[in-house]
Amino acid sequence: MIDIKHACKVSAVWMSVVYLVCFAGVAFFPGSRAFFLRYALHYEDAALGESVMTFSTFMSGLVIWDIAAVLAAGLFAALFNTIKK
């Protein structure tokens, strides 16, 4: 059995660390944003627009990605605990 609350907490912390590293990487190397997004979007040439990096965009992105991580971990743990071998 997986402890769902613990899995959600761990996933939120892990996503926070990954997001912080990613945000800092793009802040220090702005050209890397277009390079990585091109390959993350499967070679699509997406119009990326202006890169706006503020405390507000950092916090909103952090919250959004932490929510996504918690939902994914919660769903995984619930399915793992429900589905029998």
Protein backbone atom coordinates (compact mmCIF):
# COMPACT_ATOMS: atom_id res chain seq x y z
CA MET A 1 0.00 0.00 0.00
CA ILE A 2 1.20 3.47 -0.85
CA ASP A 3 0.53 6.28 1.61
CA ILE A 4 -1.30 8.74 -0.66
CA LYS A 5 -0.64 11.82 1.49
CA HIS A 6 3.06 11.07 1.70
CA ALA A 7 3.30 10.41 -2.05
CA CYS A 8 1.58 13.74 -2.77
CA LYS A 9 3.92 15.64 -0.43
CA VAL A 10 7.02 14.04 -1.92
CA SER A 11 5.85 14.74 -5.48
CA ALA A 12 5.17 18.40 -4.64
CA VAL A 13 8.66 18.83 -3.19
CA TRP A 14 10.25 17.02 -6.13
CA MET A 15 8.35 19.16 -8.65
CA SER A 16 9.35 22.31 -6.76
CA VAL A 17 13.03 21.37 -7.03
CA VAL A 18 12.74 20.53 -10.74
CA TYR A 19 10.80 23.73 -11.44
CA LEU A 20 13.33 25.87 -9.55
CA VAL A 21 16.24 24.37 -11.49
CA CYS A 22 14.41 24.82 -14.79
CA PHE A 23 13.37 28.41 -14.06
CA ALA A 24 16.89 29.32 -12.94
CA GLY A 25 18.36 27.68 -16.04
CA VAL A 26 16.16 29.73 -18.33
CA ALA A 27 16.86 32.89 -16.31
CA PHE A 28 20.63 32.45 -16.63
CA PHE A 29 20.55 31.10 -20.21
CA PRO A 30 17.53 32.68 -21.96
CA GLY A 31 18.38 31.10 -25.32
CA SER A 32 17.89 27.65 -23.84
CA ARG A 33 14.12 28.17 -23.60
CA ALA A 34 13.48 27.98 -27.34
CA PHE A 35 15.96 25.11 -27.76
CA PHE A 36 14.41 22.90 -25.09
CA LEU A 37 10.82 23.74 -25.95
CA ARG A 38 11.42 22.86 -29.58
CA TYR A 39 12.44 19.33 -28.59
CA ALA A 40 9.91 19.03 -25.76
CA LEU A 41 7.15 19.86 -28.26
CA HIS A 42 8.34 17.15 -30.68
CA TYR A 43 10.14 19.37 -33.16
CA GLU A 44 7.31 21.85 -33.45
CA ASP A 45 8.15 25.44 -34.24
CA ALA A 46 5.82 27.10 -31.77
CA ALA A 47 5.62 30.85 -31.53
CA LEU A 48 7.02 31.31 -28.05
CA GLY A 49 6.45 35.04 -27.80
CA GLU A 50 8.24 37.21 -25.29
CA SER A 51 9.91 35.54 -22.35
CA VAL A 52 8.54 37.21 -19.23
CA MET A 53 10.24 36.10 -16.04
CA THR A 54 9.02 37.76 -12.89
CA PHE A 55 8.36 36.68 -9.33
CA SER A 56 4.65 36.38 -10.23
CA THR A 57 5.30 34.11 -13.21
CA PHE A 58 7.65 32.02 -11.08
CA MET A 59 5.09 31.59 -8.31
CA SER A 60 2.14 30.91 -10.63
CA GLY A 61 4.13 28.31 -12.56
CA LEU A 62 5.32 26.71 -9.33
CA VAL A 63 1.78 26.43 -8.00
CA ILE A 64 0.41 25.06 -11.28
CA TRP A 65 3.15 22.41 -11.62
CA ASP A 66 2.89 21.43 -7.94
CA ILE A 67 -0.86 20.92 -8.32
CA ALA A 68 -0.27 18.79 -11.42
CA ALA A 69 2.36 16.72 -9.58
CA VAL A 70 0.12 16.19 -6.55
CA LEU A 71 -2.82 15.14 -8.73
CA ALA A 72 -0.63 12.73 -10.70
CA ALA A 73 0.89 11.20 -7.55
CA GLY A 74 -2.52 10.94 -5.88
CA LEU A 75 -4.01 9.22 -8.93
CA PHE A 76 -1.05 6.86 -9.19
CA ALA A 77 -1.21 5.93 -5.49
CA ALA A 78 -4.99 5.47 -5.58
CA LEU A 79 -4.79 3.24 -8.64
CA PHE A 80 -1.85 1.32 -7.20
CA ASN A 81 -3.78 0.69 -3.97
CA THR A 82 -6.98 -0.26 -5.86
CA ILE A 83 -5.72 -2.54 -8.61
CA LYS A 84 -4.79 -5.99 -7.36
CA LYS A 85 -2.09 -8.25 -8.81
